[in-house]
Amino acid sequence: MKPRTFLAAVALLAATLPASAHISFKTRDLGSFDGTSAVSVTIDNQTVPNNSGWADGTFPALADSHKVRAFRFTLAAPATITLAVTAHPAATETSLGGLLPAFTLYAGLPHLPPEALDFDRSPITSAWLATLAAPQPKTGAFDALHTFRIGSDAAKPTETGGYDFSSLSTLTFIGYAADGGPANLGEGSGANGDGPADGRATGTWQLPAGSYTVFVGGADHAHREESGSGYGVAVTLKIILPPTTIPTTPAHPPKASIALLTP
């Protein structure tokens, strides 16, 4: 494909899809941990844009990343962690109740300031999405069930009109948890829910040292057209220590007894 033709195709792809916000963490940094003590941290003053954004990312067309919220944390040493995401109607003065929450945990972070921030409709992201399998065009870059890539406006086309995809951020899939089941996740979703649609989703993982991204959103793809906006959410991260080793022998063994034998 000629350079001008390639760039025109990318521009057309971007124009046919909704604009996206840049991925940032703002007040959604859960913290950095050294793994030497048990910790529980909760951020409970956030909302997600609608009740379906995460579940939309379980379909082959993927989803717009500004329909979910990005949280982050860092481990200085290996640790066992539990993530819990719950509906929280009182998160803000105007937030809604009724969220069916879900989240995906990824190793790695998107670009951080002072670097340009990543978003779905940056030219390099659009070019990357155009290389993926059908259906095309993709709704966005967010993939709730797999590793995905996303980039920023800092990436410029090469002399041949293409892009060096090595500059994309790579978010490596680790696992997910989703509230409910097929009735809310939607027919054709690649995800499994936890059963009851009770406004809570949890998961536990053993992780190596590193930085991690958590995308949180709504799991109700089946009713996405009826979804409102600004659903309150609370996100809790727990660092779990291994159980204390119990000695296999008593600290003070009993004295030996002597049996007296009578003739």
C-alpha atoms as a PDB file:
ATOM      1  CA  MET A   1       0.000   0.000   0.000  1.00  0.00           C
ATOM      2  CA  LYS A   2       1.323   3.470  -0.874  1.00  0.00           C
ATOM      3  CA  PRO A   3       2.137   5.762   2.092  1.00  0.00           C
ATOM      4  CA  ARG A   4      -0.629   8.294   1.371  1.00  0.00           C
ATOM      5  CA  THR A   5      -3.166   5.541   0.806  1.00  0.00           C
ATOM      6  CA  PHE A   6      -2.184   3.841   4.068  1.00  0.00           C
ATOM      7  CA  LEU A   7      -2.448   7.062   6.087  1.00  0.00           C
ATOM      8  CA  ALA A   8      -5.775   7.911   4.472  1.00  0.00           C
ATOM      9  CA  ALA A   9      -7.129   4.478   5.428  1.00  0.00           C
ATOM     10  CA  VAL A  10      -6.005   4.936   9.014  1.00  0.00           C
ATOM     11  CA  ALA A  11      -7.589   8.392   9.151  1.00  0.00           C
ATOM     12  CA  LEU A  12     -10.855   6.985   7.779  1.00  0.00           C
ATOM     13  CA  LEU A  13     -10.817   4.208  10.376  1.00  0.00           C
ATOM     14  CA  ALA A  14     -10.339   6.741  13.171  1.00  0.00           C
ATOM     15  CA  ALA A  15     -13.108   8.976  11.830  1.00  0.00           C
ATOM     16  CA  THR A  16     -15.670   6.169  11.774  1.00  0.00           C
ATOM     17  CA  LEU A  17     -15.269   5.336  15.458  1.00  0.00           C
ATOM     18  CA  PRO A  18     -15.999   7.223  18.694  1.00  0.00           C
ATOM     19  CA  ALA A  19     -13.360   9.502  20.188  1.00  0.00           C
ATOM     20  CA  SER A  20     -11.587   8.177  23.255  1.00  0.00           C
ATOM     21  CA  ALA A  21     -10.104   9.674  26.366  1.00  0.00           C
ATOM     22  CA  HIS A  22      -6.456   9.152  27.169  1.00  0.00           C
ATOM     23  CA  ILE A  23      -5.574   6.426  29.674  1.00  0.00           C
ATOM     24  CA  SER A  24      -4.453   7.898  32.980  1.00  0.00           C
ATOM     25  CA  PHE A  25      -4.545   6.915  36.638  1.00  0.00           C
ATOM     26  CA  LYS A  26      -5.159  10.350  38.218  1.00  0.00           C
ATOM     27  CA  THR A  27      -6.388   9.498  41.746  1.00  0.00           C
ATOM     28  CA  ARG A  28      -6.497   5.755  41.016  1.00  0.00           C
ATOM     29  CA  ASP A  29      -3.050   4.666  42.223  1.00  0.00           C
ATOM     30  CA  LEU A  30      -3.517   1.925  44.819  1.00  0.00           C
ATOM     31  CA  GLY A  31       0.115   2.260  45.930  1.00  0.00           C
ATOM     32  CA  SER A  32       3.499   0.536  46.055  1.00  0.00           C
ATOM     33  CA  PHE A  33       4.145  -2.413  48.379  1.00  0.00           C
ATOM     34  CA  ASP A  34       7.232  -4.297  49.557  1.00  0.00           C
ATOM     35  CA  GLY A  35       5.384  -7.489  50.518  1.00  0.00           C
ATOM     36  CA  THR A  36       6.642  -7.512  54.116  1.00  0.00           C
ATOM     37  CA  SER A  37       3.303  -6.719  55.748  1.00  0.00           C
ATOM     38  CA  ALA A  38      -0.367  -7.401  55.135  1.00  0.00           C
ATOM     39  CA  VAL A  39      -2.051  -4.352  53.617  1.00  0.00           C
ATOM     40  CA  SER A  40      -5.563  -3.418  52.532  1.00  0.00           C
ATOM     41  CA  VAL A  41      -6.146  -0.309  50.417  1.00  0.00           C
ATOM     42  CA  THR A  42      -9.506   0.905  49.096  1.00  0.00           C
ATOM     43  CA  ILE A  43     -10.347   3.636  46.604  1.00  0.00           C
ATOM     44  CA  ASP A  44     -14.080   4.284  46.908  1.00  0.00           C
ATOM     45  CA  ASN A  45     -14.654   7.678  45.265  1.00  0.00           C
ATOM     46  CA  GLN A  46     -14.643   6.645  41.605  1.00  0.00           C
ATOM     47  CA  THR A  47     -17.255   5.964  38.947  1.00  0.00           C
ATOM     48  CA  VAL A  48     -17.284   4.020  35.691  1.00  0.00           C
ATOM     49  CA  PRO A  49     -18.939   5.551  32.618  1.00  0.00           C
ATOM     50  CA  ASN A  50     -21.635   2.918  32.131  1.00  0.00           C
ATOM     51  CA  ASN A  51     -22.692  -0.574  33.164  1.00  0.00           C
ATOM     52  CA  SER A  52     -21.325  -2.425  30.139  1.00  0.00           C
ATOM     53  CA  GLY A  53     -17.850  -1.108  29.283  1.00  0.00           C
ATOM     54  CA  TRP A  54     -15.856  -4.072  30.569  1.00  0.00           C
ATOM     55  CA  ALA A  55     -18.202  -6.715  29.125  1.00  0.00           C
ATOM     56  CA  ASP A  56     -18.058  -5.013  25.723  1.00  0.00           C
ATOM     57  CA  GLY A  57     -14.341  -5.828  25.715  1.00  0.00           C
ATOM     58  CA  THR A  58     -15.039  -9.564  25.884  1.00  0.00           C
ATOM     59  CA  PHE A  59     -16.302  -9.578  22.270  1.00  0.00           C
ATOM     60  CA  PRO A  60     -14.133  -9.771  19.128  1.00  0.00           C
ATOM     61  CA  ALA A  61     -14.829  -6.132  18.193  1.00  0.00           C
ATOM     62  CA  LEU A  62     -13.109  -5.111  21.465  1.00  0.00           C
ATOM     63  CA  ALA A  63     -14.141  -1.951  23.332  1.00  0.00           C
ATOM     64  CA  ASP A  64     -13.350   1.699  23.870  1.00  0.00           C
ATOM     65  CA  SER A  65     -10.931   2.047  26.799  1.00  0.00           C
ATOM     66  CA  HIS A  66     -12.575   5.225  28.056  1.00  0.00           C
ATOM     67  CA  LYS A  67     -15.636   3.133  28.967  1.00  0.00           C
ATOM     68  CA  VAL A  68     -13.564   1.529  31.746  1.00  0.00           C
ATOM     69  CA  ARG A  69     -11.369   3.002  34.486  1.00  0.00           C
ATOM     70  CA  ALA A  70      -7.666   2.266  34.940  1.00  0.00           C
ATOM     71  CA  PHE A  71      -6.142   1.639  38.378  1.00  0.00           C
ATOM     72  CA  ARG A  72      -2.513   0.759  39.129  1.00  0.00           C
ATOM     73  CA  PHE A  73      -0.240  -0.709  41.815  1.00  0.00           C
ATOM     74  CA  THR A  74       3.392  -1.767  42.158  1.00  0.00           C
ATOM     75  CA  LEU A  75       4.988  -4.706  43.980  1.00  0.00           C
ATOM     76  CA  ALA A  76       8.632  -4.412  45.020  1.00  0.00           C
ATOM     77  CA  ALA A  77       8.697  -8.140  45.803  1.00  0.00           C
ATOM     78  CA  PRO A  78       6.550 -11.175  44.921  1.00  0.00           C
ATOM     79  CA  ALA A  79       3.220 -11.228  46.748  1.00  0.00           C
ATOM     80  CA  THR A  80      -0.198 -12.826  46.854  1.00  0.00           C
ATOM     81  CA  ILE A  81      -2.873 -10.227  46.175  1.00  0.00           C
ATOM     82  CA  THR A  82      -6.649 -10.119  46.249  1.00  0.00           C
ATOM     83  CA  LEU A  83      -8.615  -7.585  44.236  1.00  0.00           C
ATOM     84  CA  ALA A  84     -12.252  -6.861  45.074  1.00  0.00           C
ATOM     85  CA  VAL A  85     -14.460  -4.531  43.054  1.00  0.00           C
ATOM     86  CA  THR A  86     -17.906  -3.642  44.400  1.00  0.00           C
ATOM     87  CA  ALA A  87     -20.821  -1.453  43.416  1.00  0.00           C
ATOM     88  CA  HIS A  88     -20.738   1.689  45.563  1.00  0.00           C
ATOM     89  CA  PRO A  89     -23.693   4.044  45.037  1.00  0.00           C
ATOM     90  CA  ALA A  90     -22.256   6.639  47.458  1.00  0.00           C
ATOM     91  CA  ALA A  91     -18.938   6.999  45.622  1.00  0.00           C
ATOM     92  CA  THR A  92     -19.853  10.560  44.624  1.00  0.00           C
ATOM     93  CA  GLU A  93     -22.797  12.880  45.201  1.00  0.00           C
ATOM     94  CA  THR A  94     -24.252  11.980  41.806  1.00  0.00           C
ATOM     95  CA  SER A  95     -23.111   8.375  41.286  1.00  0.00           C
ATOM     96  CA  LEU A  96     -25.575   5.620  40.471  1.00  0.00           C
ATOM     97  CA  GLY A  97     -26.124   2.280  42.153  1.00  0.00           C
ATOM     98  CA  GLY A  98     -26.722  -1.018  40.380  1.00  0.00           C
ATOM     99  CA  LEU A  99     -23.284  -1.588  38.878  1.00  0.00           C
ATOM    100  CA  LEU A 100     -22.481  -5.174  37.917  1.00  0.00           C
ATOM    101  CA  PRO A 101     -18.701  -4.875  38.253  1.00  0.00           C
ATOM    102  CA  ALA A 102     -15.861  -6.649  36.498  1.00  0.00           C
ATOM    103  CA  PHE A 103     -12.147  -6.111  36.121  1.00  0.00           C
ATOM    104  CA  THR A 104      -9.063  -7.394  34.320  1.00  0.00           C
ATOM    105  CA  LEU A 105      -5.549  -7.491  35.761  1.00  0.00           C
ATOM    106  CA  TYR A 106      -2.583  -6.860  33.446  1.00  0.00           C
ATOM    107  CA  ALA A 107       1.167  -6.789  33.943  1.00  0.00           C
ATOM    108  CA  GLY A 108       2.671  -3.509  32.773  1.00  0.00           C
ATOM    109  CA  LEU A 109       1.529   0.082  32.486  1.00  0.00           C
ATOM    110  CA  PRO A 110       0.544   2.377  29.630  1.00  0.00           C
ATOM    111  CA  HIS A 111       2.719   5.416  28.955  1.00  0.00           C
ATOM    112  CA  LEU A 112       2.929   7.754  31.952  1.00  0.00           C
ATOM    113  CA  PRO A 113       3.619  11.500  32.172  1.00  0.00           C
ATOM    114  CA  PRO A 114       5.727  13.262  31.056  1.00  0.00           C
ATOM    115  CA  GLU A 115       5.307  10.943  28.054  1.00  0.00           C
ATOM    116  CA  ALA A 116       2.257  11.390  25.862  1.00  0.00           C
ATOM    117  CA  LEU A 117      -0.682   9.303  27.094  1.00  0.00           C
ATOM    118  CA  ASP A 118      -2.158   6.374  25.182  1.00  0.00           C
ATOM    119  CA  PHE A 119      -5.620   6.347  23.659  1.00  0.00           C
ATOM    120  CA  ASP A 120      -7.706   4.229  21.304  1.00  0.00           C
ATOM    121  CA  ARG A 121      -7.761   6.611  18.362  1.00  0.00           C
ATOM    122  CA  SER A 122      -4.135   7.676  18.232  1.00  0.00           C
ATOM    123  CA  PRO A 123      -2.869   7.019  14.683  1.00  0.00           C
ATOM    124  CA  ILE A 124      -0.524   4.245  15.794  1.00  0.00           C
ATOM    125  CA  THR A 125      -3.297   2.524  17.779  1.00  0.00           C
ATOM    126  CA  SER A 126      -5.658   2.711  14.797  1.00  0.00           C
ATOM    127  CA  ALA A 127      -2.933   1.296  12.553  1.00  0.00           C
ATOM    128  CA  TRP A 128      -2.326  -1.560  14.985  1.00  0.00           C
ATOM    129  CA  LEU A 129      -6.033  -2.350  15.313  1.00  0.00           C
ATOM    130  CA  ALA A 130      -6.332  -2.485  11.525  1.00  0.00           C
ATOM    131  CA  THR A 131      -3.874  -5.413  11.478  1.00  0.00           C
ATOM    132  CA  LEU A 132      -6.039  -7.557  13.757  1.00  0.00           C
ATOM    133  CA  ALA A 133      -8.491 -10.234  12.701  1.00  0.00           C
ATOM    134  CA  ALA A 134     -12.125  -9.516  11.825  1.00  0.00           C
ATOM    135  CA  PRO A 135     -14.451  -7.982  12.689  1.00  0.00           C
ATOM    136  CA  GLN A 136     -13.200  -4.645  11.436  1.00  0.00           C
ATOM    137  CA  PRO A 137     -13.185  -1.847  12.291  1.00  0.00           C
ATOM    138  CA  LYS A 138     -12.607  -2.418  15.997  1.00  0.00           C
ATOM    139  CA  THR A 139     -14.664  -0.425  18.472  1.00  0.00           C
ATOM    140  CA  GLY A 140     -11.507   0.316  20.463  1.00  0.00           C
ATOM    141  CA  ALA A 141      -8.308  -1.206  21.795  1.00  0.00           C
ATOM    142  CA  PHE A 142      -9.553  -2.577  25.129  1.00  0.00           C
ATOM    143  CA  ASP A 143      -9.497  -6.384  25.262  1.00  0.00           C
ATOM    144  CA  ALA A 144     -10.844  -7.682  28.571  1.00  0.00           C
ATOM    145  CA  LEU A 145      -9.667 -11.274  28.009  1.00  0.00           C
ATOM    146  CA  HIS A 146      -6.274 -11.016  26.299  1.00  0.00           C
ATOM    147  CA  THR A 147      -3.083  -9.032  26.115  1.00  0.00           C
ATOM    148  CA  PHE A 148      -3.601  -5.821  24.162  1.00  0.00           C
ATOM    149  CA  ARG A 149      -1.556  -2.912  22.818  1.00  0.00           C
ATOM    150  CA  ILE A 150      -2.211   0.805  22.673  1.00  0.00           C
ATOM    151  CA  GLY A 151      -0.170   3.894  21.825  1.00  0.00           C
ATOM    152  CA  SER A 152       0.011   7.678  21.856  1.00  0.00           C
ATOM    153  CA  ASP A 153       0.344  10.607  19.511  1.00  0.00           C
ATOM    154  CA  ALA A 154       4.095  10.623  20.170  1.00  0.00           C
ATOM    155  CA  ALA A 155       4.542   7.828  17.606  1.00  0.00           C
ATOM    156  CA  LYS A 156       5.133   9.188  14.119  1.00  0.00           C
ATOM    157  CA  PRO A 157       4.849   7.330  10.812  1.00  0.00           C
ATOM    158  CA  THR A 158       8.004   6.086   9.132  1.00  0.00           C
ATOM    159  CA  GLU A 159       9.120   7.243   5.701  1.00  0.00           C
ATOM    160  CA  THR A 160       7.131   4.405   4.155  1.00  0.00           C
ATOM    161  CA  GLY A 161       3.957   5.568   5.895  1.00  0.00           C
ATOM    162  CA  GLY A 162       3.735   2.760   8.438  1.00  0.00           C
ATOM    163  CA  TYR A 163       4.418   2.679  12.167  1.00  0.00           C
ATOM    164  CA  ASP A 164       6.974   1.050  14.397  1.00  0.00           C
ATOM    165  CA  PHE A 165       4.676  -0.946  16.675  1.00  0.00           C
ATOM    166  CA  SER A 166       7.472  -1.499  19.207  1.00  0.00           C
ATOM    167  CA  SER A 167       6.574   1.891  20.663  1.00  0.00           C
ATOM    168  CA  LEU A 168       3.096   0.659  21.669  1.00  0.00           C
ATOM    169  CA  SER A 169       2.389  -0.015  25.320  1.00  0.00           C
ATOM    170  CA  THR A 170       1.746  -3.717  25.942  1.00  0.00           C
ATOM    171  CA  LEU A 171      -0.615  -4.718  28.724  1.00  0.00           C
ATOM    172  CA  THR A 172      -0.089  -8.414  29.406  1.00  0.00           C
ATOM    173  CA  PHE A 173      -3.208 -10.315  30.455  1.00  0.00           C
ATOM    174  CA  ILE A 174      -3.096 -12.067  33.840  1.00  0.00           C
ATOM    175  CA  GLY A 175      -6.729 -12.722  34.756  1.00  0.00           C
ATOM    176  CA  TYR A 176     -10.182 -11.308  35.335  1.00  0.00           C
ATOM    177  CA  ALA A 177     -13.269 -11.524  37.533  1.00  0.00           C
ATOM    178  CA  ALA A 178     -16.820 -10.654  36.533  1.00  0.00           C
ATOM    179  CA  ASP A 179     -20.098 -10.348  38.370  1.00  0.00           C
ATOM    180  CA  GLY A 180     -23.079 -12.478  37.340  1.00  0.00           C
ATOM    181  CA  GLY A 181     -23.331 -14.766  34.331  1.00  0.00           C
ATOM    182  CA  PRO A 182     -24.638 -15.126  30.758  1.00  0.00           C
ATOM    183  CA  ALA A 183     -27.803 -13.139  31.488  1.00  0.00           C
ATOM    184  CA  ASN A 184     -25.765  -9.967  31.924  1.00  0.00           C
ATOM    185  CA  LEU A 185     -22.487 -10.742  30.138  1.00  0.00           C
ATOM    186  CA  GLY A 186     -24.412 -11.288  26.915  1.00  0.00           C
ATOM    187  CA  GLU A 187     -24.729 -14.023  24.323  1.00  0.00           C
ATOM    188  CA  GLY A 188     -21.395 -14.609  22.634  1.00  0.00           C
ATOM    189  CA  SER A 189     -19.264 -13.140  25.400  1.00  0.00           C
ATOM    190  CA  GLY A 190     -15.986 -14.962  25.941  1.00  0.00           C
ATOM    191  CA  ALA A 191     -16.150 -14.377  29.709  1.00  0.00           C
ATOM    192  CA  ASN A 192     -17.496 -16.415  32.597  1.00  0.00           C
ATOM    193  CA  GLY A 193     -19.115 -14.726  35.570  1.00  0.00           C
ATOM    194  CA  ASP A 194     -18.993 -15.637  39.246  1.00  0.00           C
ATOM    195  CA  GLY A 195     -22.656 -16.703  39.390  1.00  0.00           C
ATOM    196  CA  PRO A 196     -24.854 -14.362  41.437  1.00  0.00           C
ATOM    197  CA  ALA A 197     -25.223 -10.815  40.128  1.00  0.00           C
ATOM    198  CA  ASP A 198     -24.634  -9.313  43.575  1.00  0.00           C
ATOM    199  CA  GLY A 199     -22.569  -6.236  42.753  1.00  0.00           C
ATOM    200  CA  ARG A 200     -19.196  -7.764  43.623  1.00  0.00           C
ATOM    201  CA  ALA A 201     -16.295  -9.413  41.788  1.00  0.00           C
ATOM    202  CA  THR A 202     -13.089 -10.746  43.380  1.00  0.00           C
ATOM    203  CA  GLY A 203      -9.928 -12.560  42.376  1.00  0.00           C
ATOM    204  CA  THR A 204      -6.657 -13.693  43.957  1.00  0.00           C
ATOM    205  CA  TRP A 205      -3.283 -14.096  42.253  1.00  0.00           C
ATOM    206  CA  GLN A 206       0.344 -14.775  43.135  1.00  0.00           C
ATOM    207  CA  LEU A 207       2.375 -12.116  41.346  1.00  0.00           C
ATOM    208  CA  PRO A 208       6.060 -11.391  40.799  1.00  0.00           C
ATOM    209  CA  ALA A 209       7.523  -7.974  41.518  1.00  0.00           C
ATOM    210  CA  GLY A 210       6.439  -5.401  38.949  1.00  0.00           C
ATOM    211  CA  SER A 211       3.879  -2.775  38.030  1.00  0.00           C
ATOM    212  CA  TYR A 212       0.276  -3.694  37.248  1.00  0.00           C
ATOM    213  CA  THR A 213      -2.765  -2.144  35.614  1.00  0.00           C
ATOM    214  CA  VAL A 214      -6.364  -2.992  36.545  1.00  0.00           C
ATOM    215  CA  PHE A 215      -9.187  -1.994  34.200  1.00  0.00           C
ATOM    216  CA  VAL A 216     -12.551  -1.798  35.979  1.00  0.00           C
ATOM    217  CA  GLY A 217     -15.962  -1.491  34.367  1.00  0.00           C
ATOM    218  CA  GLY A 218     -19.493  -2.779  34.017  1.00  0.00           C
ATOM    219  CA  ALA A 219     -20.351  -6.401  33.183  1.00  0.00           C
ATOM    220  CA  ASP A 220     -23.891  -5.842  31.839  1.00  0.00           C
ATOM    221  CA  HIS A 221     -23.397  -6.024  28.075  1.00  0.00           C
ATOM    222  CA  ALA A 222     -26.858  -7.566  27.646  1.00  0.00           C
ATOM    223  CA  HIS A 223     -28.525  -4.297  28.720  1.00  0.00           C
ATOM    224  CA  ARG A 224     -25.962  -1.812  27.461  1.00  0.00           C
ATOM    225  CA  GLU A 225     -28.542   0.293  25.607  1.00  0.00           C
ATOM    226  CA  GLU A 226     -30.387   0.844  28.880  1.00  0.00           C
ATOM    227  CA  SER A 227     -27.231   1.665  30.822  1.00  0.00           C
ATOM    228  CA  GLY A 228     -26.989   5.046  32.497  1.00  0.00           C
ATOM    229  CA  SER A 229     -23.737   6.843  33.306  1.00  0.00           C
ATOM    230  CA  GLY A 230     -21.615   7.388  36.394  1.00  0.00           C
ATOM    231  CA  TYR A 231     -21.953   4.108  38.291  1.00  0.00           C
ATOM    232  CA  GLY A 232     -20.188   4.252  41.670  1.00  0.00           C
ATOM    233  CA  VAL A 233     -17.447   1.715  42.362  1.00  0.00           C
ATOM    234  CA  ALA A 234     -15.061   0.776  45.160  1.00  0.00           C
ATOM    235  CA  VAL A 235     -11.791  -1.039  44.445  1.00  0.00           C
ATOM    236  CA  THR A 236      -9.876  -2.834  47.205  1.00  0.00           C
ATOM    237  CA  LEU A 237      -6.393  -4.316  46.964  1.00  0.00           C
ATOM    238  CA  LYS A 238      -5.166  -6.669  49.697  1.00  0.00           C
ATOM    239  CA  ILE A 239      -1.602  -7.887  50.085  1.00  0.00           C
ATOM    240  CA  ILE A 240      -1.744 -11.309  51.736  1.00  0.00           C
ATOM    241  CA  LEU A 241       1.180 -12.739  53.674  1.00  0.00           C
ATOM    242  CA  PRO A 242       1.816 -16.501  53.740  1.00  0.00           C
ATOM    243  CA  PRO A 243       0.702 -18.234  56.939  1.00  0.00           C
ATOM    244  CA  THR A 244       3.241 -18.423  59.768  1.00  0.00           C
ATOM    245  CA  THR A 245       5.140 -21.708  59.743  1.00  0.00           C
ATOM    246  CA  ILE A 246       4.103 -23.862  62.708  1.00  0.00           C
ATOM    247  CA  PRO A 247       6.878 -26.002  64.248  1.00  0.00           C
ATOM    248  CA  THR A 248       6.357 -29.699  63.737  1.00  0.00           C
ATOM    249  CA  THR A 249       7.697 -30.448  67.264  1.00  0.00           C
ATOM    250  CA  PRO A 250       6.580 -28.774  70.500  1.00  0.00           C
ATOM    251  CA  ALA A 251       8.791 -26.019  71.873  1.00  0.00           C
ATOM    252  CA  HIS A 252       8.928 -27.836  75.223  1.00  0.00           C
ATOM    253  CA  PRO A 253       8.655 -31.585  74.610  1.00  0.00           C
ATOM    254  CA  PRO A 254       7.219 -33.601  77.521  1.00  0.00           C
ATOM    255  CA  LYS A 255       9.580 -35.476  79.794  1.00  0.00           C
ATOM    256  CA  ALA A 256       9.972 -39.147  79.004  1.00  0.00           C
ATOM    257  CA  SER A 257       7.932 -41.428  81.241  1.00  0.00           C
ATOM    258  CA  ILE A 258       9.402 -44.580  82.817  1.00  0.00           C
ATOM    259  CA  ALA A 259       7.217 -47.602  83.212  1.00  0.00           C
ATOM    260  CA  LEU A 260       7.781 -49.543  86.485  1.00  0.00           C
ATOM    261  CA  LEU A 261       7.565 -53.252  86.027  1.00  0.00           C
ATOM    262  CA  THR A 262       6.538 -55.435  88.966  1.00  0.00           C
ATOM    263  CA  PRO A 263       8.076 -58.881  89.253  1.00  0.00           C
END
